[in-house]
N, C-alpha and C. Protein backbone atom coordinates (compact mmCIF):
# COMPACT_ATOMS: atom_id res chain seq x y z
N MET A 1 1.10 -1.10 0.14
CA MET A 1 0.00 -0.05 -0.03
C MET A 1 0.72 1.47 0.16
N ILE A 2 0.62 2.11 -0.98
CA ILE A 2 1.24 3.53 -0.96
C ILE A 2 0.49 4.51 -0.12
N ARG A 3 0.79 5.34 0.93
CA ARG A 3 0.08 6.11 1.23
C ARG A 3 -0.09 7.40 0.29
N LYS A 4 -1.21 8.01 0.28
CA LYS A 4 -1.76 9.06 -0.35
C LYS A 4 -2.34 10.11 0.72
N PRO A 5 -1.63 11.26 0.93
CA PRO A 5 -2.11 11.79 2.15
C PRO A 5 -3.54 12.85 1.71
N SER A 6 -4.32 13.12 2.68
CA SER A 6 -5.91 13.34 2.42
C SER A 6 -6.03 14.58 3.23
N THR A 7 -6.51 15.64 2.70
CA THR A 7 -7.18 16.86 3.23
C THR A 7 -8.35 16.66 3.50
N GLY A 8 -8.80 17.61 4.56
CA GLY A 8 -10.62 17.86 4.25
C GLY A 8 -11.29 18.32 5.92
N ASP A 9 -10.84 17.88 6.79
CA ASP A 9 -11.41 18.24 8.03
C ASP A 9 -10.64 19.18 9.18
N GLY A 10 -9.25 19.35 8.23
CA GLY A 10 -8.36 20.15 9.18
C GLY A 10 -7.90 19.64 10.61
N SER A 11 -8.20 18.40 11.14
CA SER A 11 -7.63 17.88 12.37
C SER A 11 -6.37 17.91 12.46
N THR A 12 -5.75 17.43 13.37
CA THR A 12 -4.57 17.23 13.81
C THR A 12 -4.21 15.93 13.31
N LEU A 13 -5.16 14.82 12.90
CA LEU A 13 -4.90 13.56 12.31
C LEU A 13 -4.36 13.71 11.17
N GLU A 14 -3.26 12.87 10.56
CA GLU A 14 -2.79 13.14 9.03
C GLU A 14 -3.73 11.61 8.28
N TRP A 15 -4.45 11.90 7.45
CA TRP A 15 -5.57 10.82 7.24
C TRP A 15 -5.04 10.61 5.84
N PHE A 16 -5.14 9.16 5.45
CA PHE A 16 -4.38 8.78 3.94
C PHE A 16 -5.28 7.60 3.53
N LYS A 17 -5.05 7.49 2.31
CA LYS A 17 -5.60 6.21 1.90
C LYS A 17 -4.81 5.45 0.82
N SER A 18 -5.03 4.32 0.49
CA SER A 18 -4.32 3.07 -0.01
C SER A 18 -4.41 3.99 -1.71
N SER A 19 -3.34 3.82 -2.23
CA SER A 19 -3.14 4.44 -3.96
C SER A 19 -3.92 3.27 -4.66
N TYR A 20 -4.27 2.22 -3.88
CA TYR A 20 -5.27 0.97 -4.51
C TYR A 20 -6.43 1.37 -4.56
N SER A 21 -6.72 2.45 -3.88
CA SER A 21 -8.28 2.80 -3.64
C SER A 21 -8.72 3.73 -4.64
N ASP A 22 -7.96 3.81 -5.78
CA ASP A 22 -8.56 4.60 -6.80
C ASP A 22 -9.56 4.05 -7.47
N SER A 23 -11.00 5.01 -7.57
CA SER A 23 -11.85 4.46 -8.52
C SER A 23 -12.24 5.38 -9.32
N SER A 24 -13.18 5.13 -10.25
CA SER A 24 -13.92 6.23 -11.23
C SER A 24 -14.00 7.60 -10.44
N SER A 25 -14.47 7.52 -9.15
CA SER A 25 -15.13 9.05 -8.63
C SER A 25 -13.75 9.45 -7.84
N GLY A 26 -13.01 8.40 -7.50
CA GLY A 26 -11.57 8.90 -6.61
C GLY A 26 -11.96 8.93 -5.16
N ASN A 27 -13.16 9.02 -4.78
CA ASN A 27 -13.51 9.32 -3.18
C ASN A 27 -14.05 7.91 -2.59
N ASP A 28 -14.14 6.77 -3.44
CA ASP A 28 -15.33 5.54 -3.09
C ASP A 28 -14.37 4.84 -1.87
N CYS A 29 -13.79 5.22 -0.91
CA CYS A 29 -12.93 4.00 -0.17
C CYS A 29 -12.76 4.82 1.41
N ILE A 30 -12.35 4.27 2.13
CA ILE A 30 -11.91 4.84 3.55
C ILE A 30 -10.53 5.34 3.54
N GLU A 31 -10.60 6.22 4.79
CA GLU A 31 -9.14 6.78 4.98
C GLU A 31 -8.83 6.14 6.25
N VAL A 32 -7.58 6.19 6.85
CA VAL A 32 -7.02 6.01 8.11
C VAL A 32 -5.92 6.73 8.54
N ALA A 33 -6.09 7.20 9.77
CA ALA A 33 -5.11 7.77 10.22
C ALA A 33 -4.67 7.05 11.73
N THR A 34 -3.30 7.41 11.84
CA THR A 34 -2.80 6.52 13.11
C THR A 34 -2.24 7.37 14.14
N THR A 35 -2.33 7.01 15.55
CA THR A 35 -1.81 7.82 16.54
C THR A 35 -1.07 6.22 17.23
N ARG A 36 -0.42 6.94 18.19
CA ARG A 36 0.28 5.44 18.80
C ARG A 36 -0.84 4.61 19.74
N GLY A 37 -1.01 3.56 19.36
CA GLY A 37 -1.95 2.36 19.91
C GLY A 37 -3.36 2.65 19.21
N THR A 38 -3.39 3.72 18.27
CA THR A 38 -5.06 3.64 17.79
C THR A 38 -5.13 3.95 16.15
N VAL A 39 -5.97 3.22 15.79
CA VAL A 39 -6.19 3.74 14.16
C VAL A 39 -7.68 4.01 14.13
N TYR A 40 -7.64 5.56 13.57
CA TYR A 40 -8.76 6.09 13.11
C TYR A 40 -9.46 5.59 11.76
N ILE A 41 -10.69 5.33 11.44
CA ILE A 41 -11.32 5.04 9.95
C ILE A 41 -12.42 6.08 9.59
N ARG A 42 -12.39 6.27 8.66
CA ARG A 42 -13.74 7.24 8.14
C ARG A 42 -13.79 7.02 6.68
N ASP A 43 -15.04 7.19 6.28
CA ASP A 43 -15.50 7.38 4.97
C ASP A 43 -15.03 8.90 4.19
N SER A 44 -14.28 8.22 3.05
CA SER A 44 -13.46 9.39 2.58
C SER A 44 -14.64 10.45 1.82
N LYS A 45 -15.87 9.75 1.59
CA LYS A 45 -17.12 10.41 1.15
C LYS A 45 -17.67 11.58 2.44
N ASN A 46 -17.15 11.16 3.45
CA ASN A 46 -17.96 11.87 4.64
C ASN A 46 -17.02 12.42 5.52
N VAL A 47 -16.18 13.08 5.42
CA VAL A 47 -14.77 13.14 6.26
C VAL A 47 -15.30 13.62 7.73
N GLN A 48 -16.45 14.43 7.67
CA GLN A 48 -16.98 15.07 9.10
C GLN A 48 -18.11 14.00 9.66
N GLY A 49 -18.19 13.02 8.94
CA GLY A 49 -18.82 12.21 9.75
C GLY A 49 -18.32 11.07 10.90
N PRO A 50 -19.09 9.94 11.28
CA PRO A 50 -18.55 9.29 12.63
C PRO A 50 -17.31 8.62 12.07
N ARG A 51 -16.49 8.11 13.05
CA ARG A 51 -15.39 7.65 13.04
C ARG A 51 -15.10 6.17 13.70
N PHE A 52 -14.45 5.37 13.31
CA PHE A 52 -14.14 4.17 13.77
C PHE A 52 -13.05 4.18 14.43
N THR A 53 -12.57 3.48 15.78
CA THR A 53 -11.18 3.42 15.92
C THR A 53 -11.20 1.92 16.27
N VAL A 54 -9.56 1.94 16.40
CA VAL A 54 -9.42 0.08 16.65
C VAL A 54 -8.14 0.24 17.38
N ALA A 55 -7.42 -0.67 17.94
CA ALA A 55 -6.14 -0.93 18.49
C ALA A 55 -5.47 -0.94 17.37
N SER A 56 -4.08 -0.59 17.35
CA SER A 56 -3.20 -0.83 16.32
C SER A 56 -2.95 -2.45 16.00
N ALA A 57 -2.98 -3.21 17.38
CA ALA A 57 -2.81 -4.23 16.84
C ALA A 57 -3.91 -5.29 16.44
N ALA A 58 -5.09 -4.74 16.60
CA ALA A 58 -6.71 -5.20 15.95
C ALA A 58 -6.24 -4.74 14.09
N TRP A 59 -5.76 -3.62 14.05
CA TRP A 59 -5.90 -3.12 12.88
C TRP A 59 -4.75 -4.16 11.78
N ALA A 60 -3.57 -4.35 12.50
CA ALA A 60 -2.85 -5.17 11.74
C ALA A 60 -3.32 -6.60 11.64
N ASP A 61 -3.80 -7.10 12.62
CA ASP A 61 -4.80 -8.57 12.22
C ASP A 61 -5.34 -8.14 11.12
N PHE A 62 -6.37 -7.33 11.22
CA PHE A 62 -7.24 -7.17 10.12
C PHE A 62 -6.47 -6.81 8.69
N VAL A 63 -5.54 -6.10 8.47
CA VAL A 63 -5.14 -5.75 7.40
C VAL A 63 -4.21 -7.26 7.00
N THR A 64 -3.34 -8.20 7.83
CA THR A 64 -3.09 -9.50 7.27
C THR A 64 -4.40 -10.42 6.88
N TYR A 65 -5.03 -10.24 7.57
CA TYR A 65 -6.15 -10.99 7.06
C TYR A 65 -7.07 -10.56 5.97
N ALA A 66 -7.28 -9.49 5.47
CA ALA A 66 -7.76 -8.90 4.45
C ALA A 66 -6.89 -8.95 2.98
N SER A 67 -5.34 -9.11 3.47
CA SER A 67 -4.46 -9.13 2.33
C SER A 67 -4.56 -10.84 1.72
N LYS A 68 -4.74 -11.57 2.31
CA LYS A 68 -4.99 -12.86 2.09
C LYS A 68 -6.26 -13.61 1.28
N ARG A 69 -7.21 -12.51 1.19
CA ARG A 69 -8.67 -12.54 0.49
C ARG A 69 -8.39 -12.00 -1.08
């Protein structure tokens, strides 16, 4: 995955999405931001909307699982 920084909500979090997430509209994906121990996830079409957070270890497990599918 190649990180592509995303702008939008002006928060202190640095949001990014995978370069593999490009679609015809360019915004149909999730974005993630990381802090020590936490991964924040949001819908790129609704950057002011709700965010989902998980522990870094849980995100790493998910990415490993998803990469095998």
